[in-house]
Amino acid sequence: MRVTIAVHGHFRQTSSIGNDEVTFTLPDTGDVRIRDLLDNLNIIEEEIWRILVNGRPGRLDEAVRHRVKLEFYPRDRQHAA
């Protein structure tokens, strides 16, 4: 399955994605969750403020589907817990 990932804020410097969005192919096993991608993206779960899945709010436990665009927004001082 094809997945496109974009990051915002300081994730552009700290993740493995960088400034541009990246599209890659994952095995279509049906059991990959957004949370499962974080280690490979070098994104720490606790630093995430918002996830968008095709422009809509998403959850870490949501299944990754074919031709999805994921966007990760980091916490900042305004959004810190």
PDB file of N, CA and C in Angstrom:
ATOM      1  N   MET A   1       0.846  -1.173   0.000  1.00  0.00           N
ATOM      2  CA  MET A   1       0.000   0.000   0.000  1.00  0.00           C
ATOM      3  C   MET A   1       0.890   1.233   0.000  1.00  0.00           C
ATOM      4  N   ARG A   2       0.421   2.275  -0.674  1.00  0.00           N
ATOM      5  CA  ARG A   2       1.184   3.525  -0.774  1.00  0.00           C
ATOM      6  C   ARG A   2       0.727   4.491   0.313  1.00  0.00           C
ATOM      7  N   VAL A   3       1.715   5.069   0.989  1.00  0.00           N
ATOM      8  CA  VAL A   3       1.451   5.997   2.083  1.00  0.00           C
ATOM      9  C   VAL A   3       2.307   7.239   1.862  1.00  0.00           C
ATOM     10  N   THR A   4       1.683   8.408   1.999  1.00  0.00           N
ATOM     11  CA  THR A   4       2.410   9.672   1.913  1.00  0.00           C
ATOM     12  C   THR A   4       2.423  10.290   3.301  1.00  0.00           C
ATOM     13  N   ILE A   5       3.597  10.762   3.711  1.00  0.00           N
ATOM     14  CA  ILE A   5       3.736  11.347   5.044  1.00  0.00           C
ATOM     15  C   ILE A   5       4.352  12.726   4.928  1.00  0.00           C
ATOM     16  N   ALA A   6       3.754  13.678   5.645  1.00  0.00           N
ATOM     17  CA  ALA A   6       4.275  15.037   5.750  1.00  0.00           C
ATOM     18  C   ALA A   6       4.368  15.389   7.226  1.00  0.00           C
ATOM     19  N   VAL A   7       5.375  16.162   7.575  1.00  0.00           N
ATOM     20  CA  VAL A   7       5.545  16.590   8.959  1.00  0.00           C
ATOM     21  C   VAL A   7       5.618  18.108   9.002  1.00  0.00           C
ATOM     22  N   HIS A   8       5.327  18.650  10.162  1.00  0.00           N
ATOM     23  CA  HIS A   8       5.293  20.095  10.341  1.00  0.00           C
ATOM     24  C   HIS A   8       6.082  20.473  11.585  1.00  0.00           C
ATOM     25  N   GLY A   9       6.350  21.770  11.724  1.00  0.00           N
ATOM     26  CA  GLY A   9       7.057  22.274  12.899  1.00  0.00           C
ATOM     27  C   GLY A   9       8.438  21.661  13.028  1.00  0.00           C
ATOM     28  N   HIS A  10       8.850  21.417  14.271  1.00  0.00           N
ATOM     29  CA  HIS A  10      10.206  20.897  14.486  1.00  0.00           C
ATOM     30  C   HIS A  10      10.393  19.467  13.985  1.00  0.00           C
ATOM     31  N   PHE A  11       9.299  18.771  13.657  1.00  0.00           N
ATOM     32  CA  PHE A  11       9.452  17.439  13.067  1.00  0.00           C
ATOM     33  C   PHE A  11      10.197  17.509  11.736  1.00  0.00           C
ATOM     34  N   ARG A  12      10.187  18.659  11.084  1.00  0.00           N
ATOM     35  CA  ARG A  12      10.926  18.794   9.819  1.00  0.00           C
ATOM     36  C   ARG A  12      12.430  18.644  10.030  1.00  0.00           C
ATOM     37  N   GLN A  13      12.895  19.007  11.217  1.00  0.00           N
ATOM     38  CA  GLN A  13      14.317  18.870  11.528  1.00  0.00           C
ATOM     39  C   GLN A  13      14.639  17.558  12.246  1.00  0.00           C
ATOM     40  N   THR A  14      13.686  17.025  13.007  1.00  0.00           N
ATOM     41  CA  THR A  14      13.997  15.875  13.855  1.00  0.00           C
ATOM     42  C   THR A  14      13.531  14.535  13.296  1.00  0.00           C
ATOM     43  N   SER A  15      12.586  14.531  12.383  1.00  0.00           N
ATOM     44  CA  SER A  15      12.102  13.249  11.844  1.00  0.00           C
ATOM     45  C   SER A  15      12.937  12.828  10.644  1.00  0.00           C
ATOM     46  N   SER A  16      12.678  11.632  10.180  1.00  0.00           N
ATOM     47  CA  SER A  16      13.376  11.143   8.986  1.00  0.00           C
ATOM     48  C   SER A  16      12.709  11.623   7.700  1.00  0.00           C
ATOM     49  N   ILE A  17      11.621  12.395   7.803  1.00  0.00           N
ATOM     50  CA  ILE A  17      10.899  12.872   6.623  1.00  0.00           C
ATOM     51  C   ILE A  17      11.533  14.134   6.053  1.00  0.00           C
ATOM     52  N   GLY A  18      11.865  15.108   6.904  1.00  0.00           N
ATOM     53  CA  GLY A  18      12.455  16.357   6.442  1.00  0.00           C
ATOM     54  C   GLY A  18      11.397  17.345   5.986  1.00  0.00           C
ATOM     55  N   ASN A  19      11.791  18.288   5.144  1.00  0.00           N
ATOM     56  CA  ASN A  19      10.906  19.372   4.708  1.00  0.00           C
ATOM     57  C   ASN A  19       9.855  18.945   3.691  1.00  0.00           C
ATOM     58  N   ASP A  20      10.143  17.956   2.906  1.00  0.00           N
ATOM     59  CA  ASP A  20       9.218  17.527   1.859  1.00  0.00           C
ATOM     60  C   ASP A  20       8.420  16.324   2.329  1.00  0.00           C
ATOM     61  N   GLU A  21       7.252  16.144   1.740  1.00  0.00           N
ATOM     62  CA  GLU A  21       6.508  14.924   2.047  1.00  0.00           C
ATOM     63  C   GLU A  21       7.147  13.768   1.300  1.00  0.00           C
ATOM     64  N   VAL A  22       6.973  12.573   1.849  1.00  0.00           N
ATOM     65  CA  VAL A  22       7.578  11.375   1.287  1.00  0.00           C
ATOM     66  C   VAL A  22       6.488  10.339   1.057  1.00  0.00           C
ATOM     67  N   THR A  23       6.541   9.681  -0.092  1.00  0.00           N
ATOM     68  CA  THR A  23       5.619   8.592  -0.395  1.00  0.00           C
ATOM     69  C   THR A  23       6.410   7.300  -0.451  1.00  0.00           C
ATOM     70  N   PHE A  24       5.911   6.275   0.212  1.00  0.00           N
ATOM     71  CA  PHE A  24       6.574   4.987   0.176  1.00  0.00           C
ATOM     72  C   PHE A  24       5.532   3.875   0.188  1.00  0.00           C
ATOM     73  N   THR A  25       6.003   2.663  -0.019  1.00  0.00           N
ATOM     74  CA  THR A  25       5.130   1.500  -0.097  1.00  0.00           C
ATOM     75  C   THR A  25       5.348   0.614   1.123  1.00  0.00           C
ATOM     76  N   LEU A  26       4.250   0.211   1.736  1.00  0.00           N
ATOM     77  CA  LEU A  26       4.275  -0.709   2.875  1.00  0.00           C
ATOM     78  C   LEU A  26       3.618  -2.019   2.466  1.00  0.00           C
ATOM     79  N   PRO A  27       4.014  -3.112   3.111  1.00  0.00           N
ATOM     80  CA  PRO A  27       3.300  -4.367   2.847  1.00  0.00           C
ATOM     81  C   PRO A  27       1.845  -4.230   3.275  1.00  0.00           C
ATOM     82  N   ASP A  28       0.943  -4.748   2.493  1.00  0.00           N
ATOM     83  CA  ASP A  28      -0.485  -4.630   2.784  1.00  0.00           C
ATOM     84  C   ASP A  28      -0.930  -5.810   3.641  1.00  0.00           C
ATOM     85  N   THR A  29      -0.550  -5.752   4.931  1.00  0.00           N
ATOM     86  CA  THR A  29      -0.889  -6.845   5.842  1.00  0.00           C
ATOM     87  C   THR A  29      -2.211  -6.598   6.552  1.00  0.00           C
ATOM     88  N   GLY A  30      -2.702  -5.360   6.519  1.00  0.00           N
ATOM     89  CA  GLY A  30      -3.970  -5.032   7.139  1.00  0.00           C
ATOM     90  C   GLY A  30      -3.902  -4.749   8.620  1.00  0.00           C
ATOM     91  N   ASP A  31      -2.726  -4.916   9.220  1.00  0.00           N
ATOM     92  CA  ASP A  31      -2.630  -4.711  10.665  1.00  0.00           C
ATOM     93  C   ASP A  31      -1.633  -3.617  11.050  1.00  0.00           C
ATOM     94  N   VAL A  32      -1.237  -2.770  10.114  1.00  0.00           N
ATOM     95  CA  VAL A  32      -0.318  -1.668  10.407  1.00  0.00           C
ATOM     96  C   VAL A  32      -1.129  -0.486  10.927  1.00  0.00           C
ATOM     97  N   ARG A  33      -0.755   0.009  12.082  1.00  0.00           N
ATOM     98  CA  ARG A  33      -1.389   1.177  12.705  1.00  0.00           C
ATOM     99  C   ARG A  33      -0.460   2.367  12.554  1.00  0.00           C
ATOM    100  N   ILE A  34      -1.014   3.560  12.636  1.00  0.00           N
ATOM    101  CA  ILE A  34      -0.193   4.768  12.545  1.00  0.00           C
ATOM    102  C   ILE A  34       0.923   4.709  13.583  1.00  0.00           C
ATOM    103  N   ARG A  35       0.600   4.284  14.782  1.00  0.00           N
ATOM    104  CA  ARG A  35       1.581   4.171  15.870  1.00  0.00           C
ATOM    105  C   ARG A  35       2.784   3.312  15.454  1.00  0.00           C
ATOM    106  N   ASP A  36       2.547   2.296  14.648  1.00  0.00           N
ATOM    107  CA  ASP A  36       3.612   1.383  14.225  1.00  0.00           C
ATOM    108  C   ASP A  36       4.656   2.055  13.344  1.00  0.00           C
ATOM    109  N   LEU A  37       4.324   3.174  12.734  1.00  0.00           N
ATOM    110  CA  LEU A  37       5.244   3.871  11.832  1.00  0.00           C
ATOM    111  C   LEU A  37       6.198   4.817  12.551  1.00  0.00           C
ATOM    112  N   LEU A  38       5.882   5.195  13.766  1.00  0.00           N
ATOM    113  CA  LEU A  38       6.595   6.277  14.440  1.00  0.00           C
ATOM    114  C   LEU A  38       8.085   6.025  14.626  1.00  0.00           C
ATOM    115  N   ASP A  39       8.483   4.819  15.021  1.00  0.00           N
ATOM    116  CA  ASP A  39       9.907   4.542  15.225  1.00  0.00           C
ATOM    117  C   ASP A  39      10.712   4.770  13.949  1.00  0.00           C
ATOM    118  N   ASN A  40      10.209   4.273  12.836  1.00  0.00           N
ATOM    119  CA  ASN A  40      10.921   4.448  11.561  1.00  0.00           C
ATOM    120  C   ASN A  40      10.957   5.893  11.104  1.00  0.00           C
ATOM    121  N   LEU A  41       9.981   6.686  11.547  1.00  0.00           N
ATOM    122  CA  LEU A  41       9.930   8.108  11.171  1.00  0.00           C
ATOM    123  C   LEU A  41      10.727   8.983  12.126  1.00  0.00           C
ATOM    124  N   ASN A  42      11.233   8.387  13.205  1.00  0.00           N
ATOM    125  CA  ASN A  42      11.962   9.116  14.245  1.00  0.00           C
ATOM    126  C   ASN A  42      11.077  10.187  14.885  1.00  0.00           C
ATOM    127  N   ILE A  43       9.824   9.813  15.157  1.00  0.00           N
ATOM    128  CA  ILE A  43       8.864  10.702  15.816  1.00  0.00           C
ATOM    129  C   ILE A  43       8.469  10.056  17.142  1.00  0.00           C
ATOM    130  N   ILE A  44       8.567  10.840  18.210  1.00  0.00           N
ATOM    131  CA  ILE A  44       8.206  10.358  19.540  1.00  0.00           C
ATOM    132  C   ILE A  44       6.722  10.620  19.775  1.00  0.00           C
ATOM    133  N   GLU A  45       6.020   9.578  20.152  1.00  0.00           N
ATOM    134  CA  GLU A  45       4.564   9.647  20.304  1.00  0.00           C
ATOM    135  C   GLU A  45       4.117  10.804  21.194  1.00  0.00           C
ATOM    136  N   GLU A  46       4.805  11.027  22.294  1.00  0.00           N
ATOM    137  CA  GLU A  46       4.414  12.074  23.235  1.00  0.00           C
ATOM    138  C   GLU A  46       4.598  13.485  22.675  1.00  0.00           C
ATOM    139  N   GLU A  47       5.349  13.619  21.610  1.00  0.00           N
ATOM    140  CA  GLU A  47       5.568  14.929  20.997  1.00  0.00           C
ATOM    141  C   GLU A  47       4.496  15.294  19.975  1.00  0.00           C
ATOM    142  N   ILE A  48       3.605  14.364  19.655  1.00  0.00           N
ATOM    143  CA  ILE A  48       2.590  14.615  18.637  1.00  0.00           C
ATOM    144  C   ILE A  48       1.427  15.391  19.251  1.00  0.00           C
ATOM    145  N   TRP A  49       1.075  16.471  18.586  1.00  0.00           N
ATOM    146  CA  TRP A  49      -0.098  17.258  18.988  1.00  0.00           C
ATOM    147  C   TRP A  49      -1.316  16.855  18.168  1.00  0.00           C
ATOM    148  N   ARG A  50      -1.127  16.710  16.853  1.00  0.00           N
ATOM    149  CA  ARG A  50      -2.242  16.412  15.959  1.00  0.00           C
ATOM    150  C   ARG A  50      -1.764  15.513  14.823  1.00  0.00           C
ATOM    151  N   ILE A  51      -2.665  14.621  14.421  1.00  0.00           N
ATOM    152  CA  ILE A  51      -2.446  13.774  13.248  1.00  0.00           C
ATOM    153  C   ILE A  51      -3.609  14.010  12.308  1.00  0.00           C
ATOM    154  N   LEU A  52      -3.298  14.241  11.044  1.00  0.00           N
ATOM    155  CA  LEU A  52      -4.337  14.329  10.030  1.00  0.00           C
ATOM    156  C   LEU A  52      -4.197  13.136   9.093  1.00  0.00           C
ATOM    157  N   VAL A  53      -5.327  12.538   8.769  1.00  0.00           N
ATOM    158  CA  VAL A  53      -5.389  11.425   7.825  1.00  0.00           C
ATOM    159  C   VAL A  53      -6.259  11.897   6.673  1.00  0.00           C
ATOM    160  N   ASN A  54      -5.627  12.128   5.532  1.00  0.00           N
ATOM    161  CA  ASN A  54      -6.326  12.693   4.374  1.00  0.00           C
ATOM    162  C   ASN A  54      -7.082  13.970   4.750  1.00  0.00           C
ATOM    163  N   GLY A  55      -6.445  14.798   5.578  1.00  0.00           N
ATOM    164  CA  GLY A  55      -7.001  16.091   5.946  1.00  0.00           C
ATOM    165  C   GLY A  55      -7.981  16.080   7.104  1.00  0.00           C
ATOM    166  N   ARG A  56      -8.241  14.909   7.650  1.00  0.00           N
ATOM    167  CA  ARG A  56      -9.183  14.793   8.776  1.00  0.00           C
ATOM    168  C   ARG A  56      -8.433  14.322  10.016  1.00  0.00           C
ATOM    169  N   PRO A  57      -8.944  14.664  11.209  1.00  0.00           N
ATOM    170  CA  PRO A  57      -8.269  14.216  12.439  1.00  0.00           C
ATOM    171  C   PRO A  57      -8.135  12.699  12.484  1.00  0.00           C
ATOM    172  N   GLY A  58      -6.953  12.246  12.908  1.00  0.00           N
ATOM    173  CA  GLY A  58      -6.689  10.815  13.003  1.00  0.00           C
ATOM    174  C   GLY A  58      -6.229  10.431  14.399  1.00  0.00           C
ATOM    175  N   ARG A  59      -6.104   9.122  14.623  1.00  0.00           N
ATOM    176  CA  ARG A  59      -5.685   8.579  15.915  1.00  0.00           C
ATOM    177  C   ARG A  59      -4.501   7.635  15.702  1.00  0.00           C
ATOM    178  N   LEU A  60      -3.671   7.534  16.720  1.00  0.00           N
ATOM    179  CA  LEU A  60      -2.502   6.664  16.632  1.00  0.00           C
ATOM    180  C   LEU A  60      -2.868   5.197  16.418  1.00  0.00           C
ATOM    181  N   ASP A  61      -4.011   4.766  16.926  1.00  0.00           N
ATOM    182  CA  ASP A  61      -4.391   3.363  16.787  1.00  0.00           C
ATOM    183  C   ASP A  61      -5.174   3.073  15.504  1.00  0.00           C
ATOM    184  N   GLU A  62      -5.295   4.081  14.645  1.00  0.00           N
ATOM    185  CA  GLU A  62      -6.019   3.927  13.380  1.00  0.00           C
ATOM    186  C   GLU A  62      -5.195   3.103  12.392  1.00  0.00           C
ATOM    187  N   ALA A  63      -5.860   2.235  11.659  1.00  0.00           N
ATOM    188  CA  ALA A  63      -5.188   1.420  10.643  1.00  0.00           C
ATOM    189  C   ALA A  63      -4.729   2.294   9.480  1.00  0.00           C
ATOM    190  N   VAL A  64      -3.563   1.977   8.954  1.00  0.00           N
ATOM    191  CA  VAL A  64      -3.033   2.668   7.777  1.00  0.00           C
ATOM    192  C   VAL A  64      -3.641   2.007   6.550  1.00  0.00           C
ATOM    193  N   ARG A  65      -4.177   2.817   5.661  1.00  0.00           N
ATOM    194  CA  ARG A  65      -4.835   2.308   4.459  1.00  0.00           C
ATOM    195  C   ARG A  65      -4.088   2.751   3.199  1.00  0.00           C
ATOM    196  N   HIS A  66      -4.376   2.075   2.105  1.00  0.00           N
ATOM    197  CA  HIS A  66      -3.753   2.376   0.821  1.00  0.00           C
ATOM    198  C   HIS A  66      -4.085   3.799   0.371  1.00  0.00           C
ATOM    199  N   ARG A  67      -3.098   4.466  -0.181  1.00  0.00           N
ATOM    200  CA  ARG A  67      -3.217   5.828  -0.724  1.00  0.00           C
ATOM    201  C   ARG A  67      -3.666   6.845   0.323  1.00  0.00           C
ATOM    202  N   VAL A  68      -3.146   6.718   1.521  1.00  0.00           N
ATOM    203  CA  VAL A  68      -3.474   7.653   2.585  1.00  0.00           C
ATOM    204  C   VAL A  68      -2.353   8.688   2.704  1.00  0.00           C
ATOM    205  N   LYS A  69      -2.732   9.898   3.103  1.00  0.00           N
ATOM    206  CA  LYS A  69      -1.741  10.922   3.424  1.00  0.00           C
ATOM    207  C   LYS A  69      -1.833  11.193   4.915  1.00  0.00           C
ATOM    208  N   LEU A  70      -0.724  10.998   5.603  1.00  0.00           N
ATOM    209  CA  LEU A  70      -0.632  11.259   7.035  1.00  0.00           C
ATOM    210  C   LEU A  70       0.172  12.526   7.262  1.00  0.00           C
ATOM    211  N   GLU A  71      -0.310  13.378   8.151  1.00  0.00           N
ATOM    212  CA  GLU A  71       0.426  14.582   8.530  1.00  0.00           C
ATOM    213  C   GLU A  71       0.570  14.599  10.038  1.00  0.00           C
ATOM    214  N   PHE A  72       1.780  14.895  10.481  1.00  0.00           N
ATOM    215  CA  PHE A  72       2.071  14.940  11.911  1.00  0.00           C
ATOM    216  C   PHE A  72       2.448  16.354  12.317  1.00  0.00           C
ATOM    217  N   TYR A  73       1.784  16.849  13.357  1.00  0.00           N
ATOM    218  CA  TYR A  73       2.051  18.180  13.914  1.00  0.00           C
ATOM    219  C   TYR A  73       2.579  18.003  15.337  1.00  0.00           C
ATOM    220  N   PRO A  74       3.692  18.654  15.667  1.00  0.00           N
ATOM    221  CA  PRO A  74       4.247  18.504  17.011  1.00  0.00           C
ATOM    222  C   PRO A  74       3.581  19.426  18.021  1.00  0.00           C
ATOM    223  N   ARG A  75       3.732  19.056  19.281  1.00  0.00           N
ATOM    224  CA  ARG A  75       3.332  19.943  20.367  1.00  0.00           C
ATOM    225  C   ARG A  75       4.296  21.129  20.385  1.00  0.00           C
ATOM    226  N   ASP A  76       3.798  22.264  20.809  1.00  0.00           N
ATOM    227  CA  ASP A  76       4.661  23.405  21.074  1.00  0.00           C
ATOM    228  C   ASP A  76       4.244  23.965  22.435  1.00  0.00           C
ATOM    229  N   ARG A  77       4.767  25.081  22.822  1.00  0.00           N
ATOM    230  CA  ARG A  77       4.420  25.637  24.146  1.00  0.00           C
ATOM    231  C   ARG A  77       2.922  25.842  24.285  1.00  0.00           C
ATOM    232  N   GLN A  78       2.278  26.275  23.225  1.00  0.00           N
ATOM    233  CA  GLN A  78       0.844  26.537  23.254  1.00  0.00           C
ATOM    234  C   GLN A  78       0.040  25.252  23.455  1.00  0.00           C
ATOM    235  N   HIS A  79       0.548  24.130  22.915  1.00  0.00           N
ATOM    236  CA  HIS A  79      -0.211  22.885  22.936  1.00  0.00           C
ATOM    237  C   HIS A  79       0.365  21.864  23.914  1.00  0.00           C
ATOM    238  N   ALA A  80       1.330  22.258  24.723  1.00  0.00           N
ATOM    239  CA  ALA A  80       1.941  21.327  25.670  1.00  0.00           C
ATOM    240  C   ALA A  80       0.927  20.840  26.693  1.00  0.00           C
ATOM    241  N   ALA A  81       1.070  19.599  27.071  1.00  0.00           N
ATOM    242  CA  ALA A  81       0.135  19.012  28.042  1.00  0.00           C
ATOM    243  C   ALA A  81       0.408  19.521  29.448  1.00  0.00           C
TER     244      ALA A  81
END
